[in-house]
C-alpha atoms as a PDB file:
ATOM      1  CA  LYS A   1      -8.766 -25.786  -6.816  1.00  0.00           C
ATOM      2  CA  LEU A   2      -7.156 -28.215  -9.203  1.00  0.00           C
ATOM      3  CA  ALA A   3      -4.102 -28.765  -6.983  1.00  0.00           C
ATOM      4  CA  ASN A   4      -6.297 -29.282  -3.917  1.00  0.00           C
ATOM      5  CA  HIS A   5      -8.653 -31.733  -5.625  1.00  0.00           C
ATOM      6  CA  TRP A   6      -8.596 -35.245  -4.137  1.00  0.00           C
ATOM      7  CA  ALA A   7      -8.034 -36.896  -7.541  1.00  0.00           C
ATOM      8  CA  PHE A   8      -5.062 -34.632  -8.257  1.00  0.00           C
ATOM      9  CA  GLU A   9      -3.596 -35.389  -4.836  1.00  0.00           C
ATOM     10  CA  ASP A  10      -3.986 -39.116  -5.545  1.00  0.00           C
ATOM     11  CA  GLY A  11      -2.062 -38.699  -8.804  1.00  0.00           C
ATOM     12  CA  ASN A  12      -4.993 -39.468 -11.092  1.00  0.00           C
ATOM     13  CA  VAL A  13      -3.944 -36.843 -13.632  1.00  0.00           C
ATOM     14  CA  GLU A  14      -4.397 -37.181 -17.390  1.00  0.00           C
ATOM     15  CA  THR A  15      -5.392 -34.994 -20.330  1.00  0.00           C
ATOM     16  CA  HIS A  16      -9.138 -35.185 -19.605  1.00  0.00           C
ATOM     17  CA  PHE A  17      -8.784 -34.333 -15.922  1.00  0.00           C
ATOM     18  CA  ILE A  18     -10.472 -30.902 -16.164  1.00  0.00           C
ATOM     19  CA  ASP A  19     -13.336 -32.225 -18.281  1.00  0.00           C
ATOM     20  CA  ASN A  20     -13.905 -35.113 -15.888  1.00  0.00           C
ATOM     21  CA  TYR A  21     -13.999 -32.904 -12.777  1.00  0.00           C
ATOM     22  CA  LYS A  22     -15.310 -29.618 -14.206  1.00  0.00           C
ATOM     23  CA  GLU A  23     -18.262 -29.587 -11.790  1.00  0.00           C
ATOM     24  CA  ASP A  24     -15.788 -29.504  -8.887  1.00  0.00           C
ATOM     25  CA  LEU A  25     -13.346 -27.059 -10.476  1.00  0.00           C
ATOM     26  CA  PHE A  26     -15.606 -24.401 -11.980  1.00  0.00           C
ATOM     27  CA  VAL A  27     -17.930 -22.051 -10.150  1.00  0.00           C
ATOM     28  CA  ASP A  28     -21.664 -22.295 -10.615  1.00  0.00           C
ATOM     29  CA  ALA A  29     -22.752 -18.661 -11.016  1.00  0.00           C
ATOM     30  CA  LYS A  30     -26.330 -19.632 -10.146  1.00  0.00           C
ATOM     31  CA  ASN A  31     -25.322 -20.931  -6.728  1.00  0.00           C
ATOM     32  CA  SER A  32     -26.119 -17.884  -4.595  1.00  0.00           C
ATOM     33  CA  ALA A  33     -25.014 -19.623  -1.388  1.00  0.00           C
ATOM     34  CA  SER A  34     -21.527 -20.211  -2.800  1.00  0.00           C
ATOM     35  CA  ALA A  35     -21.401 -16.637  -4.138  1.00  0.00           C
ATOM     36  CA  LYS A  36     -22.209 -15.273  -0.687  1.00  0.00           C
ATOM     37  CA  GLU A  37     -19.568 -17.469   0.930  1.00  0.00           C
ATOM     38  CA  ALA A  38     -16.973 -16.281  -1.601  1.00  0.00           C
ATOM     39  CA  TYR A  39     -17.838 -12.633  -0.920  1.00  0.00           C
ATOM     40  CA  GLU A  40     -17.645 -13.085   2.844  1.00  0.00           C
ATOM     41  CA  ALA A  41     -14.254 -14.797   2.507  1.00  0.00           C
ATOM     42  CA  ALA A  42     -12.985 -11.972   0.301  1.00  0.00           C
ATOM     43  CA  ARG A  43     -14.326  -9.326   2.691  1.00  0.00           C
ATOM     44  CA  ARG A  44     -12.600 -11.011   5.616  1.00  0.00           C
ATOM     45  CA  SER A  45      -9.299 -11.276   3.719  1.00  0.00           C
ATOM     46  CA  ALA A  46      -9.582  -7.618   2.686  1.00  0.00           C
ATOM     47  CA  SER A  47     -10.046  -6.669   6.348  1.00  0.00           C
ATOM     48  CA  LEU A  48      -6.891  -8.575   7.277  1.00  0.00           C
ATOM     49  CA  VAL A  49      -4.997  -6.873   4.433  1.00  0.00           C
ATOM     50  CA  ALA A  50      -6.088  -3.444   5.673  1.00  0.00           C
ATOM     51  CA  ALA A  51      -5.068  -4.210   9.261  1.00  0.00           C
ATOM     52  CA  CYS A  52      -1.658  -5.538   8.197  1.00  0.00           C
ATOM     53  CA  LEU A  53      -0.880  -2.592   5.898  1.00  0.00           C
ATOM     54  CA  VAL A  54      -1.805  -0.043   8.558  1.00  0.00           C
ATOM     55  CA  GLU A  55       0.182  -1.928  11.200  1.00  0.00           C
ATOM     56  CA  LYS A  56       3.250  -1.977   8.929  1.00  0.00           C
ATOM     57  CA  GLU A  57       2.895   1.781   8.360  1.00  0.00           C
ATOM     58  CA  HIS A  58       2.865   2.366  12.124  1.00  0.00           C
ATOM     59  CA  PHE A  59       5.844   0.071  12.584  1.00  0.00           C
ATOM     60  CA  VAL A  60       7.863   2.033  10.020  1.00  0.00           C
ATOM     61  CA  SER A  61       6.815   5.502  11.246  1.00  0.00           C
ATOM     62  CA  ALA A  62       7.516   4.590  14.888  1.00  0.00           C
ATOM     63  CA  ARG A  63      11.143   3.891  14.006  1.00  0.00           C
ATOM     64  CA  ASN A  64      11.527   6.638  11.426  1.00  0.00           C
ATOM     65  CA  PRO A  65       9.149   9.446  12.424  1.00  0.00           C
ATOM     66  CA  PRO A  66       8.455  12.091   9.754  1.00  0.00           C
ATOM     67  CA  GLY A  67      10.734  15.071  10.158  1.00  0.00           C
ATOM     68  CA  GLY A  68      13.583  12.931  11.475  1.00  0.00           C
ATOM     69  CA  SER A  69      12.896  13.902  15.080  1.00  0.00           C
ATOM     70  CA  SER A  70      14.040  11.548  17.813  1.00  0.00           C
ATOM     71  CA  LEU A  71      10.758  12.238  19.636  1.00  0.00           C
ATOM     72  CA  LEU A  72       7.728  10.496  18.167  1.00  0.00           C
ATOM     73  CA  PRO A  73       4.887  13.006  17.675  1.00  0.00           C
ATOM     74  CA  ILE A  74       1.665  11.943  19.355  1.00  0.00           C
ATOM     75  CA  TRP A  75      -0.236  11.883  16.064  1.00  0.00           C
ATOM     76  CA  TYR A  76       2.144   9.210  14.759  1.00  0.00           C
ATOM     77  CA  ALA A  77       1.674   7.064  17.860  1.00  0.00           C
ATOM     78  CA  SER A  78      -0.355   3.861  17.808  1.00  0.00           C
ATOM     79  CA  PRO A  79      -3.232   4.475  18.009  1.00  0.00           C
ATOM     80  CA  PRO A  80      -3.036   8.009  16.558  1.00  0.00           C
ATOM     81  CA  PHE A  81      -4.046  10.604  19.145  1.00  0.00           C
ATOM     82  CA  ARG A  82      -7.374  12.385  18.709  1.00  0.00           C
ATOM     83  CA  VAL A  83      -9.225  14.560  21.216  1.00  0.00           C
ATOM     84  CA  HIS A  84     -12.502  12.857  22.269  1.00  0.00           C
ATOM     85  CA  HIS A  85     -12.435  10.883  19.047  1.00  0.00           C
ATOM     86  CA  GLN A  86     -11.106   7.617  17.665  1.00  0.00           C
ATOM     87  CA  ALA A  87      -8.932   7.995  14.570  1.00  0.00           C
ATOM     88  CA  LYS A  88     -10.343   6.491  11.381  1.00  0.00           C
ATOM     89  CA  ARG A  89      -9.219   5.948   7.810  1.00  0.00           C
ATOM     90  CA  THR A  90     -10.666   4.373   4.690  1.00  0.00           C
ATOM     91  CA  ILE A  91      -9.102   1.906   2.271  1.00  0.00           C
ATOM     92  CA  GLU A  92     -10.754   0.806  -0.983  1.00  0.00           C
ATOM     93  CA  LEU A  93      -9.724  -2.564  -2.433  1.00  0.00           C
ATOM     94  CA  GLU A  94     -10.880  -4.007  -5.747  1.00  0.00           C
ATOM     95  CA  TRP A  95     -11.641  -7.721  -5.835  1.00  0.00           C
ATOM     96  CA  ASP A  96     -12.323  -9.766  -8.971  1.00  0.00           C
ATOM     97  CA  ASN A  97     -15.618 -11.514  -8.355  1.00  0.00           C
ATOM     98  CA  GLU A  98     -15.298 -15.055  -9.674  1.00  0.00           C
ATOM     99  CA  TYR A  99     -19.109 -15.247  -9.892  1.00  0.00           C
ATOM    100  CA  ASP A 100     -19.254 -12.272 -12.253  1.00  0.00           C
ATOM    101  CA  SER A 101     -16.225 -12.212 -14.526  1.00  0.00           C
ATOM    102  CA  ALA A 102     -17.424  -9.026 -16.233  1.00  0.00           C
ATOM    103  CA  SER A 103     -16.940  -6.835 -13.174  1.00  0.00           C
ATOM    104  CA  SER A 104     -14.888  -6.348 -10.059  1.00  0.00           C
ATOM    105  CA  LYS A 105     -16.201  -5.627  -6.584  1.00  0.00           C
ATOM    106  CA  VAL A 106     -14.979  -2.571  -4.677  1.00  0.00           C
ATOM    107  CA  LEU A 107     -14.663  -3.227  -0.967  1.00  0.00           C
ATOM    108  CA  LYS A 108     -14.652   0.045   0.978  1.00  0.00           C
ATOM    109  CA  LEU A 109     -13.157  -0.637   4.405  1.00  0.00           C
ATOM    110  CA  ILE A 110     -13.539   1.812   7.279  1.00  0.00           C
ATOM    111  CA  ILE A 111     -10.780   1.283   9.853  1.00  0.00           C
ATOM    112  CA  THR A 112     -11.221   2.561  13.412  1.00  0.00           C
ATOM    113  CA  TYR A 113      -8.141   2.604  15.654  1.00  0.00           C
ATOM    114  CA  GLN A 114      -8.994   1.101  19.049  1.00  0.00           C
ATOM    115  CA  PRO A 115      -7.273   2.285  22.283  1.00  0.00           C
ATOM    116  CA  ASP A 116      -5.746  -1.180  22.812  1.00  0.00           C
ATOM    117  CA  GLY A 117      -4.061  -1.145  19.392  1.00  0.00           C
ATOM    118  CA  ARG A 118      -6.647  -3.310  17.645  1.00  0.00           C
ATOM    119  CA  TYR A 119      -8.455  -2.281  14.479  1.00  0.00           C
ATOM    120  CA  LEU A 120     -12.225  -2.331  14.092  1.00  0.00           C
ATOM    121  CA  ILE A 121     -12.891  -2.824  10.382  1.00  0.00           C
ATOM    122  CA  GLU A 122     -16.292  -2.238   8.835  1.00  0.00           C
ATOM    123  CA  THR A 123     -17.648  -2.186   5.291  1.00  0.00           C
ATOM    124  CA  GLU A 124     -20.200   0.270   3.936  1.00  0.00           C
ATOM    125  CA  GLU A 125     -22.718  -2.438   3.133  1.00  0.00           C
ATOM    126  CA  ASN A 126     -25.569  -2.750   5.587  1.00  0.00           C
ATOM    127  CA  GLY A 127     -25.747  -5.952   7.559  1.00  0.00           C
ATOM    128  CA  SER A 128     -22.060  -6.811   7.242  1.00  0.00           C
ATOM    129  CA  PRO A 129     -20.646  -7.391  10.731  1.00  0.00           C
ATOM    130  CA  ALA A 130     -17.569  -5.461  11.837  1.00  0.00           C
ATOM    131  CA  LEU A 131     -14.369  -7.432  12.345  1.00  0.00           C
ATOM    132  CA  GLU A 132     -11.961  -6.618  15.167  1.00  0.00           C
ATOM    133  CA  VAL A 133      -8.389  -7.447  14.178  1.00  0.00           C
ATOM    134  CA  LYS A 134      -5.132  -7.379  16.104  1.00  0.00           C
ATOM    135  CA  ALA A 135      -2.200  -7.391  13.686  1.00  0.00           C
ATOM    136  CA  THR A 136       1.389  -7.963  14.807  1.00  0.00           C
ATOM    137  CA  TYR A 137       4.238  -7.226  12.407  1.00  0.00           C
ATOM    138  CA  VAL A 138       6.751 -10.094  12.321  1.00  0.00           C
ATOM    139  CA  LYS A 139       9.155  -9.283   9.474  1.00  0.00           C
ATOM    140  CA  ASP A 140       9.150  -8.165   5.859  1.00  0.00           C
ATOM    141  CA  LEU A 141       5.500  -8.738   4.872  1.00  0.00           C
ATOM    142  CA  ASP A 142       4.778 -11.479   7.410  1.00  0.00           C
ATOM    143  CA  PHE A 143       2.215 -10.843  10.146  1.00  0.00           C
ATOM    144  CA  ARG A 144       0.415 -12.620  12.956  1.00  0.00           C
ATOM    145  CA  VAL A 145      -3.262 -11.683  13.132  1.00  0.00           C
ATOM    146  CA  GLU A 146      -5.989 -12.356  15.648  1.00  0.00           C
ATOM    147  CA  ALA A 147      -9.606 -12.148  14.490  1.00  0.00           C
ATOM    148  CA  ASP A 148     -12.714 -13.674  16.079  1.00  0.00           C
ATOM    149  CA  GLY A 149     -10.489 -15.190  18.761  1.00  0.00           C
ATOM    150  CA  VAL A 150      -8.406 -17.145  16.237  1.00  0.00           C
ATOM    151  CA  ILE A 151      -4.696 -16.445  15.681  1.00  0.00           C
ATOM    152  CA  ASN A 152      -3.163 -17.144  12.261  1.00  0.00           C
ATOM    153  CA  ASP A 153      -0.004 -16.299  10.336  1.00  0.00           C
ATOM    154  CA  VAL A 154      -0.586 -14.098   7.303  1.00  0.00           C
ATOM    155  CA  ASN A 155       1.784 -13.415   4.390  1.00  0.00           C
ATOM    156  CA  LEU A 156       1.457 -10.536   1.929  1.00  0.00           C
ATOM    157  CA  ALA A 157       3.021  -9.757  -1.428  1.00  0.00           C
ATOM    158  CA  VAL A 158       2.738  -6.126  -2.534  1.00  0.00           C
ATOM    159  CA  TYR A 159       3.907  -4.358  -5.684  1.00  0.00           C
ATOM    160  CA  SER A 160       2.904  -1.257  -7.653  1.00  0.00           C
ATOM    161  CA  LYS A 161       2.376  -0.879 -11.380  1.00  0.00           C
ATOM    162  CA  GLU A 162       0.680   1.839 -13.451  1.00  0.00           C
ATOM    163  CA  GLN A 163      -0.926   3.760 -10.556  1.00  0.00           C
ATOM    164  CA  MET A 164      -2.220   0.534  -9.010  1.00  0.00           C
ATOM    165  CA  ARG A 165      -1.019  -1.323  -5.929  1.00  0.00           C
ATOM    166  CA  HIS A 166      -1.381  -5.095  -6.262  1.00  0.00           C
ATOM    167  CA  ILE A 167      -1.792  -7.058  -3.036  1.00  0.00           C
ATOM    168  CA  HIS A 168      -1.780 -10.820  -2.506  1.00  0.00           C
ATOM    169  CA  ILE A 169      -2.612 -12.363   0.858  1.00  0.00           C
ATOM    170  CA  TRP A 170      -2.071 -15.935   1.983  1.00  0.00           C
ATOM    171  CA  GLN A 171      -3.577 -17.357   5.149  1.00  0.00           C
ATOM    172  CA  GLY A 172      -2.872 -21.062   5.325  1.00  0.00           C
ATOM    173  CA  SER A 173      -4.179 -22.525   2.059  1.00  0.00           C
ATOM    174  CA  PHE A 174      -6.440 -19.516   1.382  1.00  0.00           C
ATOM    175  CA  HIS A 175      -5.319 -16.849  -1.092  1.00  0.00           C
ATOM    176  CA  HIS A 176      -6.926 -13.614  -2.270  1.00  0.00           C
ATOM    177  CA  TYR A 177      -5.791 -10.931  -4.682  1.00  0.00           C
ATOM    178  CA  PHE A 178      -6.780  -7.260  -4.414  1.00  0.00           C
ATOM    179  CA  ARG A 179      -5.946  -4.000  -6.155  1.00  0.00           C
ATOM    180  CA  GLU A 180      -5.787  -0.502  -4.710  1.00  0.00           C
ATOM    181  CA  LYS A 181      -5.744   2.637  -6.843  1.00  0.00           C
ATOM    182  CA  LEU A 182      -2.874   4.941  -6.017  1.00  0.00           C
ATOM    183  CA  GLY A 183      -3.248   8.713  -5.966  1.00  0.00           C
ATOM    184  CA  LEU A 184      -2.454  10.492  -9.211  1.00  0.00           C
ATOM    185  CA  LYS A 185       0.279  13.118  -9.321  1.00  0.00           C
ATOM    186  CA  LEU A 186      -1.253  16.582  -9.134  1.00  0.00           C
ATOM    187  CA  SER A 187      -0.053  19.460 -11.251  1.00  0.00           C
ATOM    188  CA  ASP A 188       1.747  22.303  -9.502  1.00  0.00           C
ATOM    189  CA  ASP A 189      -1.395  24.477  -9.520  1.00  0.00           C
ATOM    190  CA  GLU A 190      -3.689  21.714  -8.248  1.00  0.00           C
ATOM    191  CA  GLU A 191      -1.190  20.663  -5.586  1.00  0.00           C
ATOM    192  CA  SER A 192      -0.788  24.180  -4.232  1.00  0.00           C
ATOM    193  CA  GLN A 193      -4.572  24.501  -3.916  1.00  0.00           C
ATOM    194  CA  HIS A 194      -4.730  21.413  -1.696  1.00  0.00           C
ATOM    195  CA  LYS A 195      -1.824  22.426   0.543  1.00  0.00           C
ATOM    196  CA  PRO A 196      -1.808  24.986   3.333  1.00  0.00           C
ATOM    197  CA  LYS A 197      -0.055  28.214   2.374  1.00  0.00           C
ATOM    198  CA  SER A 198       2.633  27.652   5.001  1.00  0.00           C
ATOM    199  CA  GLU A 199       3.414  24.213   3.561  1.00  0.00           C
ATOM    200  CA  SER A 200       3.423  25.155  -0.124  1.00  0.00           C
ATOM    201  CA  SER A 201       5.510  28.280   0.448  1.00  0.00           C
ATOM    202  CA  SER A 202       8.146  26.462   2.508  1.00  0.00           C
ATOM    203  CA  ILE A 203       9.230  24.294  -0.436  1.00  0.00           C
ATOM    204  CA  PRO A 204      11.453  26.094  -2.968  1.00  0.00           C
ATOM    205  CA  ARG A 205      10.269  26.252  -6.559  1.00  0.00           C
ATOM    206  CA  GLY A 206      11.816  23.442  -8.584  1.00  0.00           C
ATOM    207  CA  ALA A 207      12.443  21.304  -5.503  1.00  0.00           C
ATOM    208  CA  ILE A 208      11.687  17.585  -5.680  1.00  0.00           C
ATOM    209  CA  VAL A 209      10.350  16.125  -2.432  1.00  0.00           C
ATOM    210  CA  ALA A 210      10.099  12.558  -1.174  1.00  0.00           C
ATOM    211  CA  PRO A 211       6.670  11.126  -2.144  1.00  0.00           C
ATOM    212  CA  MET A 212       6.678   9.082   1.083  1.00  0.00           C
ATOM    213  CA  ALA A 213       8.907   8.127   3.981  1.00  0.00           C
ATOM    214  CA  GLY A 214      11.417   5.536   2.885  1.00  0.00           C
ATOM    215  CA  LEU A 215      14.987   4.351   2.478  1.00  0.00           C
ATOM    216  CA  VAL A 216      17.286   5.654  -0.260  1.00  0.00           C
ATOM    217  CA  VAL A 217      18.614   2.515  -1.971  1.00  0.00           C
ATOM    218  CA  LYS A 218      20.218   4.017  -5.095  1.00  0.00           C
ATOM    219  CA  VAL A 219      21.530   7.445  -6.113  1.00  0.00           C
ATOM    220  CA  LEU A 220      21.887   7.381  -9.902  1.00  0.00           C
ATOM    221  CA  VAL A 221      23.449  10.792 -10.606  1.00  0.00           C
ATOM    222  CA  LYS A 222      25.870  13.150  -8.911  1.00  0.00           C
ATOM    223  CA  ASN A 223      25.198  16.674  -7.728  1.00  0.00           C
ATOM    224  CA  GLU A 224      25.648  19.379 -10.421  1.00  0.00           C
ATOM    225  CA  THR A 225      24.965  16.759 -13.122  1.00  0.00           C
ATOM    226  CA  ARG A 226      22.958  17.655 -16.210  1.00  0.00           C
ATOM    227  CA  VAL A 227      19.699  15.643 -16.411  1.00  0.00           C
ATOM    228  CA  GLU A 228      16.851  15.416 -18.889  1.00  0.00           C
ATOM    229  CA  ALA A 229      13.139  15.519 -18.074  1.00  0.00           C
ATOM    230  CA  GLY A 230      12.014  12.102 -16.818  1.00  0.00           C
ATOM    231  CA  GLN A 231      15.541  10.890 -16.100  1.00  0.00           C
ATOM    232  CA  PRO A 232      15.763   8.746 -12.912  1.00  0.00           C
ATOM    233  CA  VAL A 233      17.770  10.456 -10.172  1.00  0.00           C
ATOM    234  CA  LEU A 234      17.355   8.186  -7.171  1.00  0.00           C
ATOM    235  CA  VAL A 235      15.369   5.172  -5.935  1.00  0.00           C
ATOM    236  CA  LEU A 236      13.421   5.001  -2.664  1.00  0.00           C
ATOM    237  CA  GLU A 237      12.229   1.820  -0.962  1.00  0.00           C
ATOM    238  CA  ALA A 238       9.074   1.844   1.163  1.00  0.00           C
ATOM    239  CA  MET A 239       6.855  -1.088   2.183  1.00  0.00           C
ATOM    240  CA  LYS A 240       9.231  -3.382   0.216  1.00  0.00           C
ATOM    241  CA  MET A 241       8.422  -1.477  -2.995  1.00  0.00           C
ATOM    242  CA  GLU A 242      10.845   0.591  -5.041  1.00  0.00           C
ATOM    243  CA  HIS A 243       9.855   4.104  -6.161  1.00  0.00           C
ATOM    244  CA  VAL A 244      11.934   5.850  -8.825  1.00  0.00           C
ATOM    245  CA  VAL A 245      12.241   9.618  -8.312  1.00  0.00           C
ATOM    246  CA  LYS A 246      12.762  11.343 -11.659  1.00  0.00           C
ATOM    247  CA  ALA A 247      13.770  14.815 -12.787  1.00  0.00           C
ATOM    248  CA  PRO A 248      10.589  16.782 -13.617  1.00  0.00           C
ATOM    249  CA  SER A 249      12.409  18.931 -16.181  1.00  0.00           C
ATOM    250  CA  SER A 250      15.733  19.287 -17.945  1.00  0.00           C
ATOM    251  CA  GLY A 251      18.487  21.127 -16.101  1.00  0.00           C
ATOM    252  CA  TYR A 252      21.195  20.675 -13.505  1.00  0.00           C
ATOM    253  CA  VAL A 253      20.797  18.807 -10.206  1.00  0.00           C
ATOM    254  CA  HIS A 254      21.475  20.961  -7.149  1.00  0.00           C
ATOM    255  CA  GLY A 255      21.334  20.259  -3.420  1.00  0.00           C
ATOM    256  CA  LEU A 256      21.507  16.475  -3.781  1.00  0.00           C
ATOM    257  CA  GLN A 257      22.789  15.525  -0.335  1.00  0.00           C
ATOM    258  CA  VAL A 258      21.126  12.148   0.312  1.00  0.00           C
ATOM    259  CA  THR A 259      23.136   8.950   0.021  1.00  0.00           C
ATOM    260  CA  ALA A 260      22.271   5.268  -0.332  1.00  0.00           C
ATOM    261  CA  GLY A 261      21.201   3.811   3.009  1.00  0.00           C
ATOM    262  CA  GLU A 262      19.764   7.104   4.297  1.00  0.00           C
ATOM    263  CA  GLN A 263      16.207   7.296   5.622  1.00  0.00           C
ATOM    264  CA  VAL A 264      14.127  10.250   4.391  1.00  0.00           C
ATOM    265  CA  SER A 265      10.807  11.543   5.677  1.00  0.00           C
ATOM    266  CA  ASP A 266       7.636  12.166   3.716  1.00  0.00           C
ATOM    267  CA  GLY A 267       7.732  15.563   1.997  1.00  0.00           C
ATOM    268  CA  SER A 268      11.422  16.247   2.669  1.00  0.00           C
ATOM    269  CA  VAL A 269      13.368  17.994  -0.119  1.00  0.00           C
ATOM    270  CA  LEU A 270      15.591  15.519  -1.997  1.00  0.00           C
ATOM    271  CA  PHE A 271      17.155  17.795  -4.624  1.00  0.00           C
ATOM    272  CA  ASN A 272      16.477  20.703  -6.999  1.00  0.00           C
ATOM    273  CA  VAL A 273      16.562  20.877 -10.774  1.00  0.00           C
ATOM    274  CA  LYS A 274      17.556  24.285 -12.084  1.00  0.00           C
ATOM    275  CA  CYS A 275      17.296  25.351 -15.678  1.00  0.00           C
ATOM    276  CA  PRO A 276      20.578  26.463 -17.282  1.00  0.00           C
ATOM    277  CA  HIS A 277      19.317  29.999 -18.059  1.00  0.00           C
ATOM    278  CA  LEU A 278      18.453  30.547 -14.387  1.00  0.00           C
ATOM    279  CA  LEU A 279      21.830  29.548 -12.963  1.00  0.00           C
ATOM    280  CA  GLY A 280      23.337  32.949 -13.514  1.00  0.00           C
ATOM    281  CA  HIS A 281      20.586  34.629 -11.505  1.00  0.00           C
ATOM    282  CA  GLN A 282      20.932  32.465  -8.352  1.00  0.00           C
END
């Protein structure tokens, strides 16, 4: 707001600038009309974020389908195939409400995949109109979006820290910042309860699997190397974010076949860590 203020643009900047123009720079929490406009702008930006993230996921999976098959499964197509039903998913984004600094607003977005490749995005709140968005991936985290008949370029910045994904979106001079909680790592017992028996039994005990589809950018240890619990073994890159895969326990690395530059699928076995006292029984 300060940089866009007319006095700042004219160069009328001195030490009392903020005091002199505080009515223009600071939000009036009692102004309900402005609060509603800010919420609607944030909701629209959140809808564009959701459309762009989903579109990027489809772009990546179309070129590197899970399982490494050269044939793209129909459920990874765009839109995902469903029998007599349109595929849906939900994304929850936290937004810091500038009209209430003590709390953040959770925007729950329901995304419906349309047959023509567009996304119909709705929020849970009654009376909020749905927004139909067509997102086109350009490169990196740059997109071209069409919403309400208007086409604009959109830029994202995404990074993860402490089980939270931080997302910035720029559309022209407008900027919004959102947070998305990432899923917590389940224990072995909890994870096996949520997986089908065929899936949980197919992965050897002690195996470390890829947390998501991505590109191996670094391999930090060699096969048969002794590692300690929590020691980084390799680094994956997905959605322009780096994910460090660590040894879950102390032991020796076995079956490490991946190399830097190799694409891996979600859930594929990366390596095993075997305890020293078990090596003689293999």
